[in-house]
Amino acid sequence: MFHRELLATTPFRSVASIPLRSARLQHSGALDLYSTDSEALLQLNLNEICTNIADPMAGMLFDSPRTISEDGAVLPIWMSNPSVTQRMNVWIAVGILIEHAGLTNADALAALRAYAYGHNAGLDDVADQLTTRRLNPDALLG
């Protein structure tokens, strides 16, 4: 069923799902690689991708030291960095525009970038203005 839907509703013709596991196997996830070429993923060395990308990624996500955020969430310590917080705010702003105007992810991000460029501001600054309601979505899109 998933393969049929993948072919019918997306441009993707192949997918590889690489497991992400914590060192103590308490957490798990997946790194999914999609391609519009049905043969492209056959040319990849999935063991190398696992060793060089998926395993370090899992370590960062699951096995790094933890901290508690201001809202009480337990996060990897690297996520408490201000630059990470600012960039996450960009994706929250994208979500606001998607919900407000029915934009796609790409169009919402493009609107943020265009507004930032047109107002000689940084993308992170515009996202902060939008998420703190100092900038109205209609003003940004207008």
N, C-alpha and C. Protein backbone atom coordinates (compact mmCIF):
# COMPACT_ATOMS: atom_id res chain seq x y z
N MET A 1 0.82 -1.18 0.00
CA MET A 1 0.00 0.00 0.00
C MET A 1 0.88 1.26 0.00
N PHE A 2 1.94 1.29 0.84
CA PHE A 2 2.80 2.48 0.92
C PHE A 2 3.52 2.72 -0.41
N HIS A 3 4.00 1.64 -1.03
CA HIS A 3 4.68 1.78 -2.31
C HIS A 3 3.73 2.32 -3.37
N ARG A 4 2.54 1.80 -3.41
CA ARG A 4 1.54 2.26 -4.38
C ARG A 4 1.26 3.74 -4.19
N GLU A 5 1.08 4.17 -2.94
CA GLU A 5 0.81 5.59 -2.65
C GLU A 5 2.02 6.46 -2.97
N LEU A 6 3.22 5.97 -2.66
CA LEU A 6 4.44 6.71 -2.98
C LEU A 6 4.49 7.00 -4.47
N LEU A 7 4.24 6.01 -5.28
CA LEU A 7 4.28 6.17 -6.74
C LEU A 7 3.13 7.03 -7.25
N ALA A 8 1.96 6.89 -6.65
CA ALA A 8 0.78 7.60 -7.15
C ALA A 8 0.74 9.07 -6.74
N THR A 9 1.29 9.41 -5.59
CA THR A 9 1.09 10.76 -5.07
C THR A 9 2.36 11.60 -4.91
N THR A 10 3.52 11.04 -5.24
CA THR A 10 4.76 11.80 -5.12
C THR A 10 5.62 11.59 -6.36
N PRO A 11 6.64 12.42 -6.53
CA PRO A 11 7.57 12.20 -7.65
C PRO A 11 8.64 11.16 -7.30
N PHE A 12 8.64 10.66 -6.06
CA PHE A 12 9.69 9.75 -5.62
C PHE A 12 9.47 8.34 -6.16
N ARG A 13 10.58 7.71 -6.54
CA ARG A 13 10.51 6.37 -7.09
C ARG A 13 11.30 5.36 -6.28
N SER A 14 12.04 5.83 -5.28
CA SER A 14 12.74 4.90 -4.39
C SER A 14 12.95 5.58 -3.04
N VAL A 15 13.05 4.73 -2.02
CA VAL A 15 13.29 5.23 -0.68
C VAL A 15 14.14 4.22 0.07
N ALA A 16 15.08 4.75 0.84
CA ALA A 16 15.88 3.91 1.74
C ALA A 16 15.67 4.45 3.14
N SER A 17 15.38 3.59 4.06
CA SER A 17 15.16 3.99 5.45
C SER A 17 16.27 3.38 6.29
N ILE A 18 17.08 4.24 6.88
CA ILE A 18 18.24 3.81 7.66
C ILE A 18 17.93 4.00 9.13
N PRO A 19 18.08 2.95 9.94
CA PRO A 19 17.73 3.07 11.36
C PRO A 19 18.66 4.01 12.12
N LEU A 20 18.06 4.76 13.02
CA LEU A 20 18.80 5.58 13.98
C LEU A 20 18.54 4.98 15.35
N ARG A 21 19.60 4.52 16.02
CA ARG A 21 19.43 3.88 17.33
C ARG A 21 20.37 4.51 18.34
N SER A 22 19.88 4.68 19.55
CA SER A 22 20.75 5.18 20.61
C SER A 22 21.70 4.07 21.04
N ALA A 23 22.79 4.46 21.67
CA ALA A 23 23.81 3.49 22.08
C ALA A 23 23.22 2.41 22.98
N ARG A 24 22.28 2.78 23.84
CA ARG A 24 21.69 1.81 24.77
C ARG A 24 20.38 1.23 24.23
N LEU A 25 20.08 1.54 22.96
CA LEU A 25 18.89 1.04 22.27
C LEU A 25 17.59 1.42 22.97
N GLN A 26 17.61 2.56 23.69
CA GLN A 26 16.40 3.04 24.35
C GLN A 26 15.54 3.89 23.42
N HIS A 27 16.16 4.48 22.42
CA HIS A 27 15.46 5.36 21.49
C HIS A 27 15.75 4.90 20.07
N SER A 28 14.82 5.18 19.19
CA SER A 28 15.06 4.84 17.79
C SER A 28 14.31 5.80 16.89
N GLY A 29 14.74 5.82 15.66
CA GLY A 29 14.12 6.65 14.64
C GLY A 29 14.64 6.17 13.30
N ALA A 30 14.47 6.99 12.27
CA ALA A 30 14.93 6.61 10.95
C ALA A 30 15.38 7.84 10.17
N LEU A 31 16.37 7.63 9.35
CA LEU A 31 16.80 8.60 8.37
C LEU A 31 16.30 8.08 7.03
N ASP A 32 15.36 8.80 6.42
CA ASP A 32 14.79 8.36 5.15
C ASP A 32 15.41 9.14 4.01
N LEU A 33 15.86 8.41 3.01
CA LEU A 33 16.45 9.01 1.81
C LEU A 33 15.50 8.73 0.64
N TYR A 34 15.06 9.78 -0.02
CA TYR A 34 14.12 9.64 -1.13
C TYR A 34 14.81 10.05 -2.43
N SER A 35 14.42 9.44 -3.53
CA SER A 35 14.95 9.80 -4.83
C SER A 35 13.84 9.71 -5.89
N THR A 36 13.92 10.60 -6.86
CA THR A 36 13.00 10.54 -7.99
C THR A 36 13.48 9.54 -9.04
N ASP A 37 14.70 9.05 -8.87
CA ASP A 37 15.29 8.04 -9.76
C ASP A 37 15.16 6.67 -9.10
N SER A 38 14.49 5.76 -9.76
CA SER A 38 14.25 4.44 -9.14
C SER A 38 15.53 3.65 -8.93
N GLU A 39 16.61 3.99 -9.61
CA GLU A 39 17.87 3.25 -9.48
C GLU A 39 18.90 3.97 -8.62
N ALA A 40 18.69 5.22 -8.28
CA ALA A 40 19.71 6.03 -7.61
C ALA A 40 20.17 5.45 -6.28
N LEU A 41 19.24 4.99 -5.47
CA LEU A 41 19.61 4.50 -4.15
C LEU A 41 20.37 3.18 -4.22
N LEU A 42 20.25 2.47 -5.32
CA LEU A 42 21.00 1.22 -5.48
C LEU A 42 22.50 1.49 -5.60
N GLN A 43 22.86 2.70 -6.02
CA GLN A 43 24.25 3.06 -6.20
C GLN A 43 24.90 3.56 -4.92
N LEU A 44 24.12 3.77 -3.88
CA LEU A 44 24.66 4.25 -2.60
C LEU A 44 25.21 3.09 -1.78
N ASN A 45 26.25 3.39 -1.03
CA ASN A 45 26.75 2.41 -0.09
C ASN A 45 26.05 2.70 1.25
N LEU A 46 24.98 1.97 1.51
CA LEU A 46 24.17 2.24 2.71
C LEU A 46 24.94 1.99 4.00
N ASN A 47 25.91 1.06 3.99
CA ASN A 47 26.73 0.84 5.18
C ASN A 47 27.57 2.08 5.49
N GLU A 48 28.12 2.71 4.45
CA GLU A 48 28.89 3.93 4.67
C GLU A 48 28.00 5.06 5.18
N ILE A 49 26.81 5.17 4.62
CA ILE A 49 25.87 6.20 5.08
C ILE A 49 25.51 5.95 6.54
N CYS A 50 25.30 4.70 6.89
CA CYS A 50 24.98 4.36 8.28
C CYS A 50 26.13 4.75 9.20
N THR A 51 27.35 4.37 8.84
CA THR A 51 28.52 4.63 9.67
C THR A 51 28.86 6.12 9.75
N ASN A 52 28.81 6.81 8.62
CA ASN A 52 29.30 8.19 8.56
C ASN A 52 28.24 9.25 8.79
N ILE A 53 26.97 8.90 8.64
CA ILE A 53 25.91 9.89 8.81
C ILE A 53 24.90 9.47 9.87
N ALA A 54 24.30 8.30 9.71
CA ALA A 54 23.21 7.90 10.60
C ALA A 54 23.68 7.67 12.04
N ASP A 55 24.79 6.99 12.22
CA ASP A 55 25.26 6.72 13.59
C ASP A 55 25.64 8.01 14.33
N PRO A 56 26.42 8.93 13.70
CA PRO A 56 26.68 10.19 14.41
C PRO A 56 25.41 11.01 14.66
N MET A 57 24.48 10.96 13.70
CA MET A 57 23.22 11.67 13.88
C MET A 57 22.46 11.11 15.08
N ALA A 58 22.39 9.80 15.18
CA ALA A 58 21.71 9.17 16.31
C ALA A 58 22.39 9.55 17.62
N GLY A 59 23.71 9.59 17.62
CA GLY A 59 24.44 10.00 18.82
C GLY A 59 24.08 11.41 19.25
N MET A 60 24.00 12.32 18.28
CA MET A 60 23.63 13.71 18.59
C MET A 60 22.21 13.79 19.12
N LEU A 61 21.31 13.02 18.51
CA LEU A 61 19.90 13.09 18.90
C LEU A 61 19.61 12.39 20.22
N PHE A 62 20.21 11.23 20.41
CA PHE A 62 19.80 10.37 21.52
C PHE A 62 20.80 10.25 22.66
N ASP A 63 22.08 10.37 22.38
CA ASP A 63 23.08 10.03 23.39
C ASP A 63 23.86 11.22 23.94
N SER A 64 23.59 12.42 23.46
CA SER A 64 24.33 13.58 23.96
C SER A 64 23.77 13.99 25.32
N PRO A 65 24.56 14.73 26.10
CA PRO A 65 24.07 15.20 27.41
C PRO A 65 22.77 15.99 27.24
N ARG A 66 21.95 15.95 28.26
CA ARG A 66 20.62 16.57 28.21
C ARG A 66 20.55 17.80 29.11
N THR A 67 19.59 18.66 28.75
CA THR A 67 19.27 19.82 29.57
C THR A 67 17.75 19.99 29.56
N ILE A 68 17.24 20.79 30.46
CA ILE A 68 15.81 21.06 30.51
C ILE A 68 15.58 22.48 30.00
N SER A 69 14.70 22.60 29.00
CA SER A 69 14.42 23.90 28.41
C SER A 69 13.53 24.73 29.34
N GLU A 70 13.33 25.99 28.96
CA GLU A 70 12.48 26.88 29.76
C GLU A 70 11.06 26.35 29.90
N ASP A 71 10.58 25.63 28.88
CA ASP A 71 9.22 25.10 28.95
C ASP A 71 9.16 23.69 29.53
N GLY A 72 10.28 23.20 30.08
CA GLY A 72 10.30 21.92 30.77
C GLY A 72 10.63 20.72 29.89
N ALA A 73 10.88 20.93 28.61
CA ALA A 73 11.22 19.82 27.72
C ALA A 73 12.66 19.38 27.96
N VAL A 74 12.90 18.09 27.92
CA VAL A 74 14.25 17.55 28.04
C VAL A 74 14.84 17.46 26.64
N LEU A 75 15.93 18.20 26.42
CA LEU A 75 16.53 18.32 25.09
C LEU A 75 18.02 17.99 25.14
N PRO A 76 18.57 17.55 24.00
CA PRO A 76 20.03 17.44 23.93
C PRO A 76 20.64 18.81 24.21
N ILE A 77 21.75 18.85 24.90
CA ILE A 77 22.33 20.13 25.32
C ILE A 77 22.67 21.03 24.14
N TRP A 78 23.03 20.44 22.98
CA TRP A 78 23.37 21.26 21.83
C TRP A 78 22.17 22.05 21.33
N MET A 79 20.96 21.64 21.68
CA MET A 79 19.77 22.37 21.25
C MET A 79 19.50 23.61 22.10
N SER A 80 20.21 23.78 23.20
CA SER A 80 20.00 24.96 24.04
C SER A 80 20.85 26.14 23.57
N ASN A 81 21.58 25.97 22.50
CA ASN A 81 22.38 27.01 21.91
C ASN A 81 21.47 28.08 21.29
N PRO A 82 21.75 29.36 21.52
CA PRO A 82 20.88 30.41 20.98
C PRO A 82 20.71 30.36 19.46
N SER A 83 21.75 29.98 18.73
CA SER A 83 21.61 29.93 17.27
C SER A 83 20.65 28.82 16.84
N VAL A 84 20.62 27.72 17.58
CA VAL A 84 19.67 26.64 17.28
C VAL A 84 18.26 27.12 17.57
N THR A 85 18.08 27.80 18.69
CA THR A 85 16.77 28.33 19.06
C THR A 85 16.27 29.32 18.01
N GLN A 86 17.16 30.21 17.55
CA GLN A 86 16.77 31.18 16.53
C GLN A 86 16.35 30.47 15.25
N ARG A 87 17.09 29.44 14.84
CA ARG A 87 16.75 28.76 13.59
C ARG A 87 15.46 27.97 13.74
N MET A 88 15.21 27.40 14.91
CA MET A 88 13.93 26.72 15.14
C MET A 88 12.78 27.71 15.03
N ASN A 89 13.03 28.94 15.44
CA ASN A 89 12.03 29.99 15.35
C ASN A 89 11.64 30.25 13.89
N VAL A 90 12.60 30.10 12.97
CA VAL A 90 12.30 30.27 11.54
C VAL A 90 11.25 29.25 11.13
N TRP A 91 11.42 28.00 11.59
CA TRP A 91 10.47 26.96 11.18
C TRP A 91 9.11 27.14 11.85
N ILE A 92 9.10 27.72 13.03
CA ILE A 92 7.82 28.06 13.66
C ILE A 92 7.13 29.16 12.84
N ALA A 93 7.91 30.15 12.40
CA ALA A 93 7.36 31.22 11.56
C ALA A 93 6.83 30.67 10.24
N VAL A 94 7.55 29.72 9.65
CA VAL A 94 7.08 29.06 8.43
C VAL A 94 5.72 28.41 8.71
N GLY A 95 5.61 27.73 9.84
CA GLY A 95 4.35 27.09 10.21
C GLY A 95 3.22 28.09 10.38
N ILE A 96 3.53 29.25 10.94
CA ILE A 96 2.52 30.30 11.09
C ILE A 96 2.00 30.73 9.73
N LEU A 97 2.91 30.92 8.78
CA LEU A 97 2.49 31.35 7.44
C LEU A 97 1.74 30.25 6.70
N ILE A 98 2.12 29.03 6.91
CA ILE A 98 1.40 27.91 6.29
C ILE A 98 -0.04 27.89 6.80
N GLU A 99 -0.19 28.02 8.10
CA GLU A 99 -1.52 27.99 8.70
C GLU A 99 -2.33 29.23 8.32
N HIS A 100 -1.69 30.39 8.35
CA HIS A 100 -2.40 31.66 8.11
C HIS A 100 -2.85 31.81 6.66
N ALA A 101 -1.96 31.44 5.73
CA ALA A 101 -2.24 31.74 4.32
C ALA A 101 -2.34 30.51 3.43
N GLY A 102 -2.17 29.33 4.02
CA GLY A 102 -2.25 28.11 3.22
C GLY A 102 -1.10 27.94 2.25
N LEU A 103 0.06 28.50 2.59
CA LEU A 103 1.23 28.39 1.73
C LEU A 103 1.88 27.02 1.87
N THR A 104 2.70 26.68 0.91
CA THR A 104 3.54 25.48 1.04
C THR A 104 4.73 25.84 1.90
N ASN A 105 5.46 24.84 2.35
CA ASN A 105 6.69 25.06 3.10
C ASN A 105 7.64 25.99 2.33
N ALA A 106 7.87 25.65 1.07
CA ALA A 106 8.81 26.43 0.25
C ALA A 106 8.34 27.86 0.07
N ASP A 107 7.04 28.05 -0.16
CA ASP A 107 6.52 29.41 -0.38
C ASP A 107 6.57 30.23 0.91
N ALA A 108 6.28 29.61 2.03
CA ALA A 108 6.34 30.32 3.31
C ALA A 108 7.77 30.76 3.62
N LEU A 109 8.73 29.87 3.40
CA LEU A 109 10.13 30.23 3.62
C LEU A 109 10.56 31.32 2.65
N ALA A 110 10.12 31.23 1.40
CA ALA A 110 10.44 32.26 0.41
C ALA A 110 9.86 33.61 0.83
N ALA A 111 8.65 33.62 1.37
CA ALA A 111 8.02 34.87 1.82
C ALA A 111 8.82 35.48 2.97
N LEU A 112 9.25 34.66 3.91
CA LEU A 112 10.09 35.16 5.01
C LEU A 112 11.38 35.76 4.48
N ARG A 113 12.01 35.04 3.57
CA ARG A 113 13.29 35.52 3.01
C ARG A 113 13.09 36.83 2.24
N ALA A 114 12.03 36.88 1.45
CA ALA A 114 11.76 38.09 0.67
C ALA A 114 11.51 39.28 1.57
N TYR A 115 10.73 39.08 2.62
CA TYR A 115 10.46 40.17 3.55
C TYR A 115 11.75 40.62 4.23
N ALA A 116 12.55 39.67 4.66
CA ALA A 116 13.82 40.00 5.31
C ALA A 116 14.71 40.80 4.35
N TYR A 117 14.83 40.33 3.13
CA TYR A 117 15.66 41.01 2.14
C TYR A 117 15.13 42.42 1.87
N GLY A 118 13.83 42.53 1.67
CA GLY A 118 13.21 43.82 1.36
C GLY A 118 13.26 44.82 2.50
N HIS A 119 13.44 44.32 3.72
CA HIS A 119 13.49 45.21 4.88
C HIS A 119 14.88 45.25 5.50
N ASN A 120 15.86 44.78 4.75
CA ASN A 120 17.27 44.79 5.20
C ASN A 120 17.39 44.20 6.61
N ALA A 121 16.74 43.06 6.80
CA ALA A 121 16.74 42.39 8.11
C ALA A 121 17.22 40.96 7.93
N GLY A 122 17.61 40.35 9.02
CA GLY A 122 18.00 38.95 8.98
C GLY A 122 16.77 38.05 9.06
N LEU A 123 16.90 36.87 8.48
CA LEU A 123 15.80 35.91 8.50
C LEU A 123 15.40 35.57 9.94
N ASP A 124 16.39 35.35 10.81
CA ASP A 124 16.09 35.03 12.20
C ASP A 124 15.34 36.17 12.89
N ASP A 125 15.70 37.42 12.55
CA ASP A 125 15.02 38.58 13.15
C ASP A 125 13.56 38.67 12.71
N VAL A 126 13.30 38.44 11.43
CA VAL A 126 11.93 38.49 10.92
C VAL A 126 11.11 37.36 11.55
N ALA A 127 11.71 36.18 11.65
CA ALA A 127 11.00 35.06 12.29
C ALA A 127 10.66 35.39 13.74
N ASP A 128 11.59 36.02 14.45
CA ASP A 128 11.34 36.41 15.83
C ASP A 128 10.19 37.42 15.90
N GLN A 129 10.18 38.39 15.01
CA GLN A 129 9.09 39.38 14.99
C GLN A 129 7.74 38.71 14.75
N LEU A 130 7.73 37.74 13.84
CA LEU A 130 6.47 37.06 13.51
C LEU A 130 6.01 36.18 14.67
N THR A 131 6.91 35.43 15.27
CA THR A 131 6.51 34.51 16.34
C THR A 131 6.18 35.22 17.65
N THR A 132 6.69 36.42 17.82
CA THR A 132 6.36 37.19 19.04
C THR A 132 5.22 38.18 18.77
N ARG A 133 4.62 38.09 17.61
CA ARG A 133 3.45 38.89 17.21
C ARG A 133 3.74 40.38 17.10
N ARG A 134 5.01 40.72 16.90
CA ARG A 134 5.35 42.12 16.62
C ARG A 134 5.21 42.41 15.13
N LEU A 135 5.05 41.34 14.34
CA LEU A 135 4.83 41.46 12.89
C LEU A 135 3.61 40.61 12.54
N ASN A 136 2.65 41.23 11.92
CA ASN A 136 1.43 40.54 11.51
C ASN A 136 1.69 39.75 10.23
N PRO A 137 1.21 38.52 10.13
CA PRO A 137 1.43 37.74 8.91
C PRO A 137 0.93 38.46 7.66
N ASP A 138 -0.18 39.20 7.75
CA ASP A 138 -0.69 39.92 6.59
C ASP A 138 0.28 41.02 6.15
N ALA A 139 0.93 41.67 7.11
CA ALA A 139 1.91 42.71 6.78
C ALA A 139 3.12 42.07 6.09
N LEU A 140 3.49 40.90 6.54
CA LEU A 140 4.62 40.21 5.92
C LEU A 140 4.28 39.78 4.49
N LEU A 141 3.06 39.31 4.29
CA LEU A 141 2.65 38.80 2.98
C LEU A 141 2.19 39.88 2.03
N GLY A 142 1.82 41.03 2.61
CA GLY A 142 1.25 42.13 1.82
C GLY A 142 2.18 42.65 0.83
